[in-house]
């Protein structure tokens, strides 16, 4: 089962390396990894997606807490309604001339934003749930989708 972990860390040199090293050293896979500073410039939020049953996630959480720079670890699956989870993607589409309007319609339906246009291609930016991005990807594939980059999910606790 996929788990999205939100990890608050101090901005110490090498903290990301220590977190990633803990995963690789124990044979755990990181499916997605995002790191960015919080409002406090001395603290960053690491959003990490990994797989495993509850026992494995418990072990991962315990191992993360052993890293001195880790402040807190939260598993989104412990309270899925307590989190907002979004992802961003950019999709490069090379449609045939008669399909260009369809690419624009699909982008509009998914509230995507055209961020680049040239004579042969579009780059569309979209954000939302993983399911939304997957659905848009599937609709654009037959229209000439050639490249896709995704951020992976970002998660934020609702309320306090």
C-alpha atoms as a PDB file:
ATOM      1  CA  UNK A   1       0.000   0.000   0.000  1.00  0.00           C
ATOM      2  CA  UNK A   2       1.224   3.518  -0.822  1.00  0.00           C
ATOM      3  CA  UNK A   3       1.888   5.875   2.069  1.00  0.00           C
ATOM      4  CA  UNK A   4       2.545   9.605   1.866  1.00  0.00           C
ATOM      5  CA  UNK A   5       4.803  10.712   4.707  1.00  0.00           C
ATOM      6  CA  UNK A   6       5.144  14.345   5.699  1.00  0.00           C
ATOM      7  CA  UNK A   7       8.495  14.805   7.451  1.00  0.00           C
ATOM      8  CA  UNK A   8       9.531  18.058   9.117  1.00  0.00           C
ATOM      9  CA  UNK A   9      13.306  18.410   9.270  1.00  0.00           C
ATOM     10  CA  UNK A  10      15.812  21.008  10.384  1.00  0.00           C
ATOM     11  CA  UNK A  11      17.707  22.561   7.481  1.00  0.00           C
ATOM     12  CA  UNK A  12      20.976  20.925   8.429  1.00  0.00           C
ATOM     13  CA  UNK A  13      23.584  20.027   5.823  1.00  0.00           C
ATOM     14  CA  UNK A  14      23.068  16.464   4.618  1.00  0.00           C
ATOM     15  CA  UNK A  15      19.624  15.881   6.160  1.00  0.00           C
ATOM     16  CA  UNK A  16      18.092  14.826   2.835  1.00  0.00           C
ATOM     17  CA  UNK A  17      20.995  12.465   2.256  1.00  0.00           C
ATOM     18  CA  UNK A  18      20.470  10.904   5.689  1.00  0.00           C
ATOM     19  CA  UNK A  19      16.731  10.451   5.085  1.00  0.00           C
ATOM     20  CA  UNK A  20      17.276   8.924   1.624  1.00  0.00           C
ATOM     21  CA  UNK A  21      20.165   6.836   2.951  1.00  0.00           C
ATOM     22  CA  UNK A  22      17.952   5.377   5.660  1.00  0.00           C
ATOM     23  CA  UNK A  23      15.571   4.147   2.949  1.00  0.00           C
ATOM     24  CA  UNK A  24      18.225   2.706   0.659  1.00  0.00           C
ATOM     25  CA  UNK A  25      20.155   1.153   3.539  1.00  0.00           C
ATOM     26  CA  UNK A  26      17.097  -0.844   4.592  1.00  0.00           C
ATOM     27  CA  UNK A  27      15.917  -1.694   1.080  1.00  0.00           C
ATOM     28  CA  UNK A  28      12.838   0.574   1.103  1.00  0.00           C
ATOM     29  CA  UNK A  29      11.817   2.276  -2.124  1.00  0.00           C
ATOM     30  CA  UNK A  30      11.069   5.989  -2.453  1.00  0.00           C
ATOM     31  CA  UNK A  31       8.412   6.472  -5.150  1.00  0.00           C
ATOM     32  CA  UNK A  32       8.303  10.251  -4.916  1.00  0.00           C
ATOM     33  CA  UNK A  33      10.241  12.892  -2.996  1.00  0.00           C
ATOM     34  CA  UNK A  34       9.625  16.628  -2.609  1.00  0.00           C
ATOM     35  CA  UNK A  35      11.527  18.973  -0.323  1.00  0.00           C
ATOM     36  CA  UNK A  36      10.911  22.667   0.302  1.00  0.00           C
ATOM     37  CA  UNK A  37      11.411  25.167   3.099  1.00  0.00           C
ATOM     38  CA  UNK A  38       8.498  26.073   5.376  1.00  0.00           C
ATOM     39  CA  UNK A  39       7.648  29.555   6.662  1.00  0.00           C
ATOM     40  CA  UNK A  40      10.477  29.019   9.123  1.00  0.00           C
ATOM     41  CA  UNK A  41      13.672  29.147   7.020  1.00  0.00           C
ATOM     42  CA  UNK A  42      15.365  26.742   9.448  1.00  0.00           C
ATOM     43  CA  UNK A  43      12.768  24.007   8.833  1.00  0.00           C
ATOM     44  CA  UNK A  44      11.881  22.128   5.640  1.00  0.00           C
ATOM     45  CA  UNK A  45       9.040  19.811   4.785  1.00  0.00           C
ATOM     46  CA  UNK A  46       9.855  16.534   3.048  1.00  0.00           C
ATOM     47  CA  UNK A  47       6.887  14.875   1.346  1.00  0.00           C
ATOM     48  CA  UNK A  48       7.812  11.289   0.577  1.00  0.00           C
ATOM     49  CA  UNK A  49       5.772   8.488  -0.992  1.00  0.00           C
ATOM     50  CA  UNK A  50       6.748   4.918  -0.232  1.00  0.00           C
ATOM     51  CA  UNK A  51       5.105   1.522  -0.199  1.00  0.00           C
ATOM     52  CA  UNK A  52       4.613  -1.046   2.487  1.00  0.00           C
ATOM     53  CA  UNK A  53       2.228  -2.536   4.985  1.00  0.00           C
ATOM     54  CA  UNK A  54       1.534  -0.948   8.370  1.00  0.00           C
ATOM     55  CA  UNK A  55       4.416  -2.814  10.018  1.00  0.00           C
ATOM     56  CA  UNK A  56       6.950  -1.566   7.454  1.00  0.00           C
ATOM     57  CA  UNK A  57       5.658   2.016   7.723  1.00  0.00           C
ATOM     58  CA  UNK A  58       5.918   1.796  11.503  1.00  0.00           C
ATOM     59  CA  UNK A  59       9.570   0.688  11.129  1.00  0.00           C
ATOM     60  CA  UNK A  60      10.271   3.505   8.660  1.00  0.00           C
ATOM     61  CA  UNK A  61       8.727   6.035  11.037  1.00  0.00           C
ATOM     62  CA  UNK A  62      10.792   4.751  13.975  1.00  0.00           C
ATOM     63  CA  UNK A  63      13.990   4.862  11.911  1.00  0.00           C
ATOM     64  CA  UNK A  64      13.224   8.411  10.710  1.00  0.00           C
ATOM     65  CA  UNK A  65      12.732   9.570  14.302  1.00  0.00           C
ATOM     66  CA  UNK A  66      16.260   8.328  15.070  1.00  0.00           C
ATOM     67  CA  UNK A  67      17.702  10.885  12.632  1.00  0.00           C
ATOM     68  CA  UNK A  68      18.626  13.885  14.780  1.00  0.00           C
ATOM     69  CA  UNK A  69      17.456  16.491  12.234  1.00  0.00           C
ATOM     70  CA  UNK A  70      13.960  14.976  11.942  1.00  0.00           C
ATOM     71  CA  UNK A  71      11.400  16.969  13.941  1.00  0.00           C
ATOM     72  CA  UNK A  72       8.162  15.102  13.122  1.00  0.00           C
ATOM     73  CA  UNK A  73       6.836  12.349  10.853  1.00  0.00           C
ATOM     74  CA  UNK A  74       3.177  12.090   9.858  1.00  0.00           C
ATOM     75  CA  UNK A  75       1.612   9.338   7.723  1.00  0.00           C
ATOM     76  CA  UNK A  76      -1.250  10.713   5.639  1.00  0.00           C
ATOM     77  CA  UNK A  77      -3.032   7.337   5.729  1.00  0.00           C
ATOM     78  CA  UNK A  78      -3.450   7.606   9.503  1.00  0.00           C
ATOM     79  CA  UNK A  79      -6.043  10.336   8.861  1.00  0.00           C
ATOM     80  CA  UNK A  80      -6.656  10.720   5.096  1.00  0.00           C
ATOM     81  CA  UNK A  81      -9.473  13.250   5.540  1.00  0.00           C
ATOM     82  CA  UNK A  82      -7.136  15.339   7.656  1.00  0.00           C
ATOM     83  CA  UNK A  83      -4.865  16.111   4.684  1.00  0.00           C
ATOM     84  CA  UNK A  84      -5.018  18.008   1.424  1.00  0.00           C
ATOM     85  CA  UNK A  85      -3.025  16.135  -1.211  1.00  0.00           C
ATOM     86  CA  UNK A  86      -2.131  17.650  -4.610  1.00  0.00           C
ATOM     87  CA  UNK A  87       0.305  17.031  -7.426  1.00  0.00           C
ATOM     88  CA  UNK A  88       1.471  19.165 -10.344  1.00  0.00           C
ATOM     89  CA  UNK A  89       2.360  17.971 -13.832  1.00  0.00           C
ATOM     90  CA  UNK A  90       3.499  19.417 -17.135  1.00  0.00           C
ATOM     91  CA  UNK A  91       2.518  17.561 -20.291  1.00  0.00           C
ATOM     92  CA  UNK A  92       4.060  18.158 -23.728  1.00  0.00           C
ATOM     93  CA  UNK A  93       1.640  17.359 -26.558  1.00  0.00           C
ATOM     94  CA  UNK A  94       2.402  17.262 -30.300  1.00  0.00           C
ATOM     95  CA  UNK A  95      -1.099  17.121 -31.812  1.00  0.00           C
ATOM     96  CA  UNK A  96      -1.970  16.920 -35.483  1.00  0.00           C
ATOM     97  CA  UNK A  97      -3.307  20.235 -36.791  1.00  0.00           C
ATOM     98  CA  UNK A  98      -6.926  19.005 -36.629  1.00  0.00           C
ATOM     99  CA  UNK A  99      -6.448  17.887 -32.976  1.00  0.00           C
ATOM    100  CA  UNK A 100      -5.106  21.174 -31.591  1.00  0.00           C
ATOM    101  CA  UNK A 101      -8.554  22.423 -30.548  1.00  0.00           C
ATOM    102  CA  UNK A 102      -9.204  19.115 -28.766  1.00  0.00           C
ATOM    103  CA  UNK A 103      -6.018  19.518 -26.720  1.00  0.00           C
ATOM    104  CA  UNK A 104      -7.240  22.978 -25.680  1.00  0.00           C
ATOM    105  CA  UNK A 105     -10.676  21.554 -24.721  1.00  0.00           C
ATOM    106  CA  UNK A 106      -9.160  18.761 -22.624  1.00  0.00           C
ATOM    107  CA  UNK A 107      -6.879  21.283 -20.908  1.00  0.00           C
ATOM    108  CA  UNK A 108      -9.852  23.529 -20.133  1.00  0.00           C
ATOM    109  CA  UNK A 109     -11.947  20.642 -18.758  1.00  0.00           C
ATOM    110  CA  UNK A 110      -9.149  19.723 -16.334  1.00  0.00           C
ATOM    111  CA  UNK A 111      -8.437  23.397 -15.519  1.00  0.00           C
ATOM    112  CA  UNK A 112      -5.019  23.053 -17.057  1.00  0.00           C
ATOM    113  CA  UNK A 113      -3.008  26.056 -18.125  1.00  0.00           C
ATOM    114  CA  UNK A 114      -1.202  26.305 -21.456  1.00  0.00           C
ATOM    115  CA  UNK A 115       2.272  27.547 -20.503  1.00  0.00           C
ATOM    116  CA  UNK A 116       3.958  27.207 -23.900  1.00  0.00           C
ATOM    117  CA  UNK A 117       2.750  27.046 -27.502  1.00  0.00           C
ATOM    118  CA  UNK A 118       4.679  26.764 -30.713  1.00  0.00           C
ATOM    119  CA  UNK A 119       3.799  25.633 -34.223  1.00  0.00           C
ATOM    120  CA  UNK A 120       4.038  21.934 -33.334  1.00  0.00           C
ATOM    121  CA  UNK A 121       3.395  21.543 -29.607  1.00  0.00           C
ATOM    122  CA  UNK A 122       1.723  22.645 -26.394  1.00  0.00           C
ATOM    123  CA  UNK A 123       3.006  22.421 -22.836  1.00  0.00           C
ATOM    124  CA  UNK A 124       0.119  22.123 -20.396  1.00  0.00           C
ATOM    125  CA  UNK A 125       0.424  22.633 -16.639  1.00  0.00           C
ATOM    126  CA  UNK A 126      -2.155  20.976 -14.394  1.00  0.00           C
ATOM    127  CA  UNK A 127      -2.507  20.423 -10.672  1.00  0.00           C
ATOM    128  CA  UNK A 128      -4.838  18.280  -8.628  1.00  0.00           C
ATOM    129  CA  UNK A 129      -5.214  14.760  -7.354  1.00  0.00           C
ATOM    130  CA  UNK A 130      -3.149  11.913  -8.761  1.00  0.00           C
ATOM    131  CA  UNK A 131      -6.337  10.508 -10.320  1.00  0.00           C
ATOM    132  CA  UNK A 132      -7.073  13.806 -12.090  1.00  0.00           C
ATOM    133  CA  UNK A 133      -3.577  13.958 -13.571  1.00  0.00           C
ATOM    134  CA  UNK A 134      -3.766  10.313 -14.634  1.00  0.00           C
ATOM    135  CA  UNK A 135      -7.141  10.893 -16.332  1.00  0.00           C
ATOM    136  CA  UNK A 136      -5.831  13.913 -18.226  1.00  0.00           C
ATOM    137  CA  UNK A 137      -2.740  11.956 -19.257  1.00  0.00           C
ATOM    138  CA  UNK A 138      -4.903   9.172 -20.686  1.00  0.00           C
ATOM    139  CA  UNK A 139      -7.038  11.639 -22.674  1.00  0.00           C
ATOM    140  CA  UNK A 140      -4.005  13.437 -24.113  1.00  0.00           C
ATOM    141  CA  UNK A 141      -2.095  10.259 -24.998  1.00  0.00           C
ATOM    142  CA  UNK A 142      -3.994   9.634 -28.291  1.00  0.00           C
ATOM    143  CA  UNK A 143      -3.702  13.345 -29.139  1.00  0.00           C
ATOM    144  CA  UNK A 144       0.106  13.212 -29.275  1.00  0.00           C
ATOM    145  CA  UNK A 145       1.325  13.268 -25.670  1.00  0.00           C
ATOM    146  CA  UNK A 146       5.098  12.802 -25.894  1.00  0.00           C
ATOM    147  CA  UNK A 147       6.472  13.911 -22.533  1.00  0.00           C
ATOM    148  CA  UNK A 148       5.265  14.115 -18.944  1.00  0.00           C
ATOM    149  CA  UNK A 149       6.918  15.423 -15.778  1.00  0.00           C
ATOM    150  CA  UNK A 150       5.217  15.244 -12.381  1.00  0.00           C
ATOM    151  CA  UNK A 151       6.071  16.623  -8.977  1.00  0.00           C
ATOM    152  CA  UNK A 152       4.690  13.720  -7.024  1.00  0.00           C
ATOM    153  CA  UNK A 153       2.217  14.514  -4.290  1.00  0.00           C
ATOM    154  CA  UNK A 154       2.479  17.322  -1.807  1.00  0.00           C
ATOM    155  CA  UNK A 155       0.476  16.886   1.375  1.00  0.00           C
ATOM    156  CA  UNK A 156      -0.601  19.392   4.000  1.00  0.00           C
ATOM    157  CA  UNK A 157      -2.524  18.777   7.175  1.00  0.00           C
ATOM    158  CA  UNK A 158      -5.924  20.497   7.302  1.00  0.00           C
ATOM    159  CA  UNK A 159      -6.715  22.936  10.119  1.00  0.00           C
ATOM    160  CA  UNK A 160      -4.495  22.979  13.187  1.00  0.00           C
END
